[in-house]
PDB file of N, CA and C in Angstrom:
ATOM      1  N   UNK A   1     106.013  81.202 149.329  1.00  0.00           N
ATOM      2  CA  UNK A   1     105.788  79.789 148.712  1.00  0.00           C
ATOM      3  C   UNK A   1     104.794  79.230 148.299  1.00  0.00           C
ATOM      4  N   UNK A   2     103.670  79.814 148.855  1.00  0.00           N
ATOM      5  CA  UNK A   2     102.532  79.421 148.431  1.00  0.00           C
ATOM      6  C   UNK A   2     102.149  79.653 147.422  1.00  0.00           C
ATOM      7  N   UNK A   3     102.071  81.121 147.449  1.00  0.00           N
ATOM      8  CA  UNK A   3     101.697  81.737 146.103  1.00  0.00           C
ATOM      9  C   UNK A   3     102.626  81.112 144.915  1.00  0.00           C
ATOM     10  N   UNK A   4     103.570  80.706 145.169  1.00  0.00           N
ATOM     11  CA  UNK A   4     104.303  79.719 143.599  1.00  0.00           C
ATOM     12  C   UNK A   4     103.678  78.647 143.669  1.00  0.00           C
ATOM     13  N   UNK A   5     103.408  78.053 144.776  1.00  0.00           N
ATOM     14  CA  UNK A   5     102.573  76.508 144.994  1.00  0.00           C
ATOM     15  C   UNK A   5     101.709  76.766 144.176  1.00  0.00           C
ATOM     16  N   UNK A   6     100.779  77.456 144.916  1.00  0.00           N
ATOM     17  CA  UNK A   6      99.158  77.473 144.065  1.00  0.00           C
ATOM     18  C   UNK A   6      99.383  77.736 142.531  1.00  0.00           C
ATOM     19  N   UNK A   7     100.618  78.759 142.047  1.00  0.00           N
ATOM     20  CA  UNK A   7     100.173  79.329 140.583  1.00  0.00           C
ATOM     21  C   UNK A   7     100.681  78.442 139.765  1.00  0.00           C
ATOM     22  N   UNK A   8     101.819  77.559 140.222  1.00  0.00           N
ATOM     23  CA  UNK A   8     102.158  75.928 139.333  1.00  0.00           C
ATOM     24  C   UNK A   8     100.650  75.214 139.522  1.00  0.00           C
ATOM     25  N   UNK A   9      99.924  75.054 140.661  1.00  0.00           N
ATOM     26  CA  UNK A   9      98.679  74.206 140.507  1.00  0.00           C
ATOM     27  C   UNK A   9      97.989  74.678 139.581  1.00  0.00           C
ATOM     28  N   UNK A  10      97.421  76.056 139.221  1.00  0.00           N
ATOM     29  CA  UNK A  10      97.290  76.885 138.355  1.00  0.00           C
ATOM     30  C   UNK A  10      97.536  76.297 136.875  1.00  0.00           C
ATOM     31  N   UNK A  11      98.755  76.726 136.625  1.00  0.00           N
ATOM     32  CA  UNK A  11      99.388  75.780 135.204  1.00  0.00           C
ATOM     33  C   UNK A  11      99.118  74.682 135.203  1.00  0.00           C
ATOM     34  N   UNK A  12      98.904  74.121 136.631  1.00  0.00           N
ATOM     35  CA  UNK A  12      98.722  72.222 135.863  1.00  0.00           C
ATOM     36  C   UNK A  12      97.041  72.074 135.461  1.00  0.00           C
ATOM     37  N   UNK A  13      96.638  73.140 136.533  1.00  0.00           N
ATOM     38  CA  UNK A  13      95.098  72.637 136.208  1.00  0.00           C
ATOM     39  C   UNK A  13      95.115  72.950 134.275  1.00  0.00           C
ATOM     40  N   UNK A  14      95.547  74.617 134.198  1.00  0.00           N
ATOM     41  CA  UNK A  14      95.060  74.895 132.385  1.00  0.00           C
ATOM     42  C   UNK A  14      95.754  73.815 131.547  1.00  0.00           C
ATOM     43  N   UNK A  15      96.343  73.156 131.940  1.00  0.00           N
ATOM     44  CA  UNK A  15      96.762  71.880 131.049  1.00  0.00           C
ATOM     45  C   UNK A  15      95.870  70.799 130.900  1.00  0.00           C
ATOM     46  N   UNK A  16      95.398  70.559 131.984  1.00  0.00           N
ATOM     47  CA  UNK A  16      94.524  69.607 132.602  1.00  0.00           C
ATOM     48  C   UNK A  16      93.401  69.718 131.583  1.00  0.00           C
ATOM     49  N   UNK A  17      92.878  71.333 131.427  1.00  0.00           N
ATOM     50  CA  UNK A  17      91.993  71.771 131.165  1.00  0.00           C
ATOM     51  C   UNK A  17      92.154  71.750 129.117  1.00  0.00           C
ATOM     52  N   UNK A  18      93.421  72.383 129.253  1.00  0.00           N
ATOM     53  CA  UNK A  18      93.508  72.510 127.588  1.00  0.00           C
ATOM     54  C   UNK A  18      93.457  70.937 126.726  1.00  0.00           C
ATOM     55  N   UNK A  19      93.731  70.242 128.368  1.00  0.00           N
ATOM     56  CA  UNK A  19      93.648  68.469 127.198  1.00  0.00           C
ATOM     57  C   UNK A  19      92.430  67.923 127.421  1.00  0.00           C
ATOM     58  N   UNK A  20      91.163  68.419 128.371  1.00  0.00           N
ATOM     59  CA  UNK A  20      89.761  67.668 128.887  1.00  0.00           C
ATOM     60  C   UNK A  20      89.757  67.112 129.751  1.00  0.00           C
ATOM     61  N   UNK A  21      90.884  67.248 130.655  1.00  0.00           N
ATOM     62  CA  UNK A  21      91.195  66.290 131.590  1.00  0.00           C
ATOM     63  C   UNK A  21      90.295  67.279 132.923  1.00  0.00           C
ATOM     64  N   UNK A  22      88.665  67.697 132.594  1.00  0.00           N
ATOM     65  CA  UNK A  22      88.332  68.996 133.875  1.00  0.00           C
ATOM     66  C   UNK A  22      87.671  68.383 135.011  1.00  0.00           C
ATOM     67  N   UNK A  23      88.217  67.158 135.051  1.00  0.00           N
ATOM     68  CA  UNK A  23      87.762  67.030 136.529  1.00  0.00           C
ATOM     69  C   UNK A  23      89.339  67.415 137.738  1.00  0.00           C
ATOM     70  N   UNK A  24      90.440  66.493 136.660  1.00  0.00           N
ATOM     71  CA  UNK A  24      91.806  67.039 137.198  1.00  0.00           C
ATOM     72  C   UNK A  24      92.062  68.464 137.280  1.00  0.00           C
ATOM     73  N   UNK A  25      91.489  69.503 136.611  1.00  0.00           N
ATOM     74  CA  UNK A  25      91.787  70.786 136.250  1.00  0.00           C
ATOM     75  C   UNK A  25      90.832  71.464 137.504  1.00  0.00           C
ATOM     76  N   UNK A  26      89.687  71.017 137.556  1.00  0.00           N
ATOM     77  CA  UNK A  26      88.502  71.553 138.959  1.00  0.00           C
ATOM     78  C   UNK A  26      89.399  71.319 140.055  1.00  0.00           C
ATOM     79  N   UNK A  27      90.337  69.858 140.064  1.00  0.00           N
ATOM     80  CA  UNK A  27      91.004  69.539 141.729  1.00  0.00           C
ATOM     81  C   UNK A  27      92.376  70.682 141.562  1.00  0.00           C
ATOM     82  N   UNK A  28      93.252  71.007 140.606  1.00  0.00           N
ATOM     83  CA  UNK A  28      94.180  71.573 140.464  1.00  0.00           C
ATOM     84  C   UNK A  28      94.009  73.354 141.157  1.00  0.00           C
ATOM     85  N   UNK A  29      93.094  73.851 140.264  1.00  0.00           N
ATOM     86  CA  UNK A  29      92.237  74.986 140.664  1.00  0.00           C
ATOM     87  C   UNK A  29      91.692  74.970 142.038  1.00  0.00           C
ATOM     88  N   UNK A  30      90.998  74.114 142.513  1.00  0.00           N
ATOM     89  CA  UNK A  30      90.783  73.820 144.118  1.00  0.00           C
ATOM     90  C   UNK A  30      91.372  74.007 145.134  1.00  0.00           C
ATOM     91  N   UNK A  31      92.608  73.599 144.702  1.00  0.00           N
ATOM     92  CA  UNK A  31      93.995  73.054 145.719  1.00  0.00           C
ATOM     93  C   UNK A  31      94.981  74.447 145.622  1.00  0.00           C
ATOM     94  N   UNK A  32      94.498  74.996 144.647  1.00  0.00           N
ATOM     95  CA  UNK A  32      95.335  76.682 144.462  1.00  0.00           C
ATOM     96  C   UNK A  32      94.755  77.487 145.107  1.00  0.00           C
ATOM     97  N   UNK A  33      93.204  77.485 145.496  1.00  0.00           N
ATOM     98  CA  UNK A  33      92.315  78.266 146.289  1.00  0.00           C
ATOM     99  C   UNK A  33      92.935  78.135 147.665  1.00  0.00           C
ATOM    100  N   UNK A  34      93.246  77.238 147.931  1.00  0.00           N
ATOM    101  CA  UNK A  34      93.127  76.325 149.515  1.00  0.00           C
ATOM    102  C   UNK A  34      94.717  76.940 149.873  1.00  0.00           C
ATOM    103  N   UNK A  35      95.533  77.178 148.815  1.00  0.00           N
ATOM    104  CA  UNK A  35      96.601  77.514 149.765  1.00  0.00           C
ATOM    105  C   UNK A  35      96.567  79.366 149.267  1.00  0.00           C
ATOM    106  N   UNK A  36      95.378  79.882 148.293  1.00  0.00           N
ATOM    107  CA  UNK A  36      95.527  81.738 148.441  1.00  0.00           C
ATOM    108  C   UNK A  36      94.524  82.191 148.662  1.00  0.00           C
ATOM    109  N   UNK A  37      93.622  81.947 149.943  1.00  0.00           N
ATOM    110  CA  UNK A  37      92.880  82.036 150.191  1.00  0.00           C
ATOM    111  C   UNK A  37      92.267  83.884 150.301  1.00  0.00           C
ATOM    112  N   UNK A  38      93.150  84.532 149.983  1.00  0.00           N
ATOM    113  CA  UNK A  38      93.033  85.898 149.847  1.00  0.00           C
ATOM    114  C   UNK A  38      92.465  86.477 148.941  1.00  0.00           C
ATOM    115  N   UNK A  39      91.782  87.693 149.295  1.00  0.00           N
ATOM    116  CA  UNK A  39      90.926  88.046 148.131  1.00  0.00           C
ATOM    117  C   UNK A  39      92.003  88.622 147.909  1.00  0.00           C
ATOM    118  N   UNK A  40      91.987  88.671 146.040  1.00  0.00           N
ATOM    119  CA  UNK A  40      92.852  89.605 145.353  1.00  0.00           C
ATOM    120  C   UNK A  40      92.750  88.697 143.857  1.00  0.00           C
ATOM    121  N   UNK A  41      93.389  89.212 142.771  1.00  0.00           N
ATOM    122  CA  UNK A  41      93.695  88.993 141.531  1.00  0.00           C
ATOM    123  C   UNK A  41      93.780  87.821 140.997  1.00  0.00           C
ATOM    124  N   UNK A  42      94.764  86.940 141.968  1.00  0.00           N
ATOM    125  CA  UNK A  42      95.059  85.395 141.639  1.00  0.00           C
ATOM    126  C   UNK A  42      94.036  84.603 142.095  1.00  0.00           C
ATOM    127  N   UNK A  43      93.134  85.292 143.374  1.00  0.00           N
ATOM    128  CA  UNK A  43      92.054  84.267 143.949  1.00  0.00           C
ATOM    129  C   UNK A  43      90.580  84.585 142.927  1.00  0.00           C
ATOM    130  N   UNK A  44      90.887  85.757 142.070  1.00  0.00           N
ATOM    131  CA  UNK A  44      89.395  85.697 141.071  1.00  0.00           C
ATOM    132  C   UNK A  44      89.977  84.999 139.953  1.00  0.00           C
ATOM    133  N   UNK A  45      91.551  84.634 139.761  1.00  0.00           N
ATOM    134  CA  UNK A  45      91.661  83.948 138.394  1.00  0.00           C
ATOM    135  C   UNK A  45      91.427  82.608 138.478  1.00  0.00           C
ATOM    136  N   UNK A  46      91.880  82.096 139.850  1.00  0.00           N
ATOM    137  CA  UNK A  46      91.642  80.263 140.145  1.00  0.00           C
ATOM    138  C   UNK A  46      89.954  80.497 140.134  1.00  0.00           C
ATOM    139  N   UNK A  47      89.247  81.370 140.876  1.00  0.00           N
ATOM    140  CA  UNK A  47      87.958  81.059 140.194  1.00  0.00           C
ATOM    141  C   UNK A  47      87.276  81.436 139.355  1.00  0.00           C
ATOM    142  N   UNK A  48      87.565  81.909 138.410  1.00  0.00           N
ATOM    143  CA  UNK A  48      87.233  81.903 137.108  1.00  0.00           C
ATOM    144  C   UNK A  48      88.073  80.757 136.618  1.00  0.00           C
ATOM    145  N   UNK A  49      89.106  79.777 136.599  1.00  0.00           N
ATOM    146  CA  UNK A  49      89.242  78.819 136.230  1.00  0.00           C
ATOM    147  C   UNK A  49      88.371  77.600 136.651  1.00  0.00           C
ATOM    148  N   UNK A  50      88.472  78.039 137.966  1.00  0.00           N
ATOM    149  CA  UNK A  50      87.203  76.782 138.279  1.00  0.00           C
ATOM    150  C   UNK A  50      85.716  76.897 137.781  1.00  0.00           C
ATOM    151  N   UNK A  51      85.412  77.840 137.953  1.00  0.00           N
ATOM    152  CA  UNK A  51      83.925  77.956 137.097  1.00  0.00           C
ATOM    153  C   UNK A  51      83.681  77.859 135.887  1.00  0.00           C
ATOM    154  N   UNK A  52      84.972  78.171 134.919  1.00  0.00           N
ATOM    155  CA  UNK A  52      84.846  77.258 133.490  1.00  0.00           C
ATOM    156  C   UNK A  52      84.752  75.765 133.481  1.00  0.00           C
ATOM    157  N   UNK A  53      85.537  75.195 134.523  1.00  0.00           N
ATOM    158  CA  UNK A  53      85.509  73.322 134.242  1.00  0.00           C
ATOM    159  C   UNK A  53      83.761  73.549 135.446  1.00  0.00           C
ATOM    160  N   UNK A  54      83.174  74.090 136.105  1.00  0.00           N
ATOM    161  CA  UNK A  54      82.445  73.275 136.273  1.00  0.00           C
ATOM    162  C   UNK A  54      81.232  74.061 135.308  1.00  0.00           C
ATOM    163  N   UNK A  55      81.287  74.731 134.587  1.00  0.00           N
ATOM    164  CA  UNK A  55      80.184  75.262 133.567  1.00  0.00           C
ATOM    165  C   UNK A  55      80.389  73.729 132.423  1.00  0.00           C
ATOM    166  N   UNK A  56      82.123  73.336 132.130  1.00  0.00           N
ATOM    167  CA  UNK A  56      82.103  72.135 130.970  1.00  0.00           C
ATOM    168  C   UNK A  56      80.638  70.825 131.838  1.00  0.00           C
ATOM    169  N   UNK A  57      81.073  70.700 133.568  1.00  0.00           N
ATOM    170  CA  UNK A  57      80.606  69.634 133.852  1.00  0.00           C
ATOM    171  C   UNK A  57      79.155  69.732 134.442  1.00  0.00           C
ATOM    172  N   UNK A  58      78.270  70.727 133.543  1.00  0.00           N
ATOM    173  CA  UNK A  58      77.166  71.027 133.511  1.00  0.00           C
ATOM    174  C   UNK A  58      76.595  71.545 135.252  1.00  0.00           C
ATOM    175  N   UNK A  59      77.627  72.418 136.008  1.00  0.00           N
ATOM    176  CA  UNK A  59      77.050  72.437 137.237  1.00  0.00           C
ATOM    177  C   UNK A  59      77.136  73.715 137.436  1.00  0.00           C
ATOM    178  N   UNK A  60      75.993  74.267 137.091  1.00  0.00           N
ATOM    179  CA  UNK A  60      76.193  75.755 137.003  1.00  0.00           C
ATOM    180  C   UNK A  60      75.606  76.216 138.157  1.00  0.00           C
ATOM    181  N   UNK A  61      75.399  75.792 138.724  1.00  0.00           N
ATOM    182  CA  UNK A  61      75.133  77.047 140.556  1.00  0.00           C
ATOM    183  C   UNK A  61      76.791  77.126 140.869  1.00  0.00           C
ATOM    184  N   UNK A  62      77.527  75.770 140.925  1.00  0.00           N
ATOM    185  CA  UNK A  62      78.729  76.027 141.572  1.00  0.00           C
ATOM    186  C   UNK A  62      79.120  77.076 140.623  1.00  0.00           C
ATOM    187  N   UNK A  63      79.631  77.020 139.206  1.00  0.00           N
ATOM    188  CA  UNK A  63      79.911  78.156 138.449  1.00  0.00           C
ATOM    189  C   UNK A  63      79.742  79.179 138.673  1.00  0.00           C
ATOM    190  N   UNK A  64      78.092  79.691 138.949  1.00  0.00           N
ATOM    191  CA  UNK A  64      77.934  81.378 139.300  1.00  0.00           C
ATOM    192  C   UNK A  64      78.565  81.877 140.486  1.00  0.00           C
ATOM    193  N   UNK A  65      78.227  80.179 141.242  1.00  0.00           N
ATOM    194  CA  UNK A  65      79.038  80.909 142.773  1.00  0.00           C
ATOM    195  C   UNK A  65      80.400  81.355 143.083  1.00  0.00           C
ATOM    196  N   UNK A  66      80.962  80.716 141.795  1.00  0.00           N
ATOM    197  CA  UNK A  66      82.601  80.873 141.696  1.00  0.00           C
ATOM    198  C   UNK A  66      82.739  82.238 141.237  1.00  0.00           C
ATOM    199  N   UNK A  67      81.692  82.385 140.508  1.00  0.00           N
ATOM    200  CA  UNK A  67      82.012  83.808 139.457  1.00  0.00           C
ATOM    201  C   UNK A  67      81.762  85.245 140.686  1.00  0.00           C
ATOM    202  N   UNK A  68      81.030  85.120 140.984  1.00  0.00           N
ATOM    203  CA  UNK A  68      80.241  86.155 141.902  1.00  0.00           C
ATOM    204  C   UNK A  68      81.299  86.461 143.190  1.00  0.00           C
ATOM    205  N   UNK A  69      81.963  85.252 143.959  1.00  0.00           N
ATOM    206  CA  UNK A  69      83.070  85.150 145.181  1.00  0.00           C
ATOM    207  C   UNK A  69      84.234  85.803 143.970  1.00  0.00           C
ATOM    208  N   UNK A  70      84.484  85.440 143.042  1.00  0.00           N
ATOM    209  CA  UNK A  70      85.470  86.145 142.088  1.00  0.00           C
ATOM    210  C   UNK A  70      85.628  87.341 142.037  1.00  0.00           C
ATOM    211  N   UNK A  71      84.373  88.075 141.680  1.00  0.00           N
ATOM    212  CA  UNK A  71      83.569  89.124 141.817  1.00  0.00           C
ATOM    213  C   UNK A  71      84.151  90.230 142.564  1.00  0.00           C
ATOM    214  N   UNK A  72      83.642  89.586 143.759  1.00  0.00           N
ATOM    215  CA  UNK A  72      84.217  90.131 145.069  1.00  0.00           C
ATOM    216  C   UNK A  72      85.388  90.060 145.680  1.00  0.00           C
ATOM    217  N   UNK A  73      85.956  89.412 145.445  1.00  0.00           N
ATOM    218  CA  UNK A  73      87.435  89.483 145.534  1.00  0.00           C
ATOM    219  C   UNK A  73      88.067  90.577 144.709  1.00  0.00           C
ATOM    220  N   UNK A  74      87.779  90.727 143.724  1.00  0.00           N
ATOM    221  CA  UNK A  74      88.529  91.698 142.886  1.00  0.00           C
ATOM    222  C   UNK A  74      88.395  93.060 143.522  1.00  0.00           C
ATOM    223  N   UNK A  75      86.771  93.228 144.034  1.00  0.00           N
ATOM    224  CA  UNK A  75      86.530  94.625 144.685  1.00  0.00           C
ATOM    225  C   UNK A  75      86.730  94.359 146.266  1.00  0.00           C
ATOM    226  N   UNK A  76      86.506  93.745 146.555  1.00  0.00           N
ATOM    227  CA  UNK A  76      87.712  93.897 147.982  1.00  0.00           C
ATOM    228  C   UNK A  76      89.438  94.241 147.883  1.00  0.00           C
ATOM    229  N   UNK A  77      89.523  93.726 147.185  1.00  0.00           N
ATOM    230  CA  UNK A  77      91.039  94.100 146.371  1.00  0.00           C
ATOM    231  C   UNK A  77      91.313  95.575 146.352  1.00  0.00           C
ATOM    232  N   UNK A  78      90.941  95.984 145.231  1.00  0.00           N
ATOM    233  CA  UNK A  78      90.564  97.322 145.035  1.00  0.00           C
ATOM    234  C   UNK A  78      90.177  98.370 146.075  1.00  0.00           C
ATOM    235  N   UNK A  79      89.221  97.770 147.206  1.00  0.00           N
ATOM    236  CA  UNK A  79      89.244  98.837 148.332  1.00  0.00           C
ATOM    237  C   UNK A  79      90.335  98.739 149.493  1.00  0.00           C
ATOM    238  N   UNK A  80      91.305  97.798 149.293  1.00  0.00           N
ATOM    239  CA  UNK A  80      92.457  97.805 150.327  1.00  0.00           C
ATOM    240  C   UNK A  80      93.263  98.923 149.169  1.00  0.00           C
ATOM    241  N   UNK A  81      93.261  99.262 148.217  1.00  0.00           N
ATOM    242  CA  UNK A  81      94.351 100.283 147.332  1.00  0.00           C
ATOM    243  C   UNK A  81      93.906 101.171 147.599  1.00  0.00           C
TER     244      UNK A  81
END
């Protein structure tokens, strides 16, 4: 159930981002991450999307942090396989 809700938030965030409502998109991606904090592809996607928001908002350190965490999330998921 949480995965579905997190995915819905990601989709909502995508719509906000496309419409230029970056702060709203950022909020959706952050909520999705809170619902699905486990390492994996979904988490990496939420982090990647949130990093794009941070870039649009000129918050470069936050973008770098999310990109690094997302990369590590993918590696952790691959190590489990």
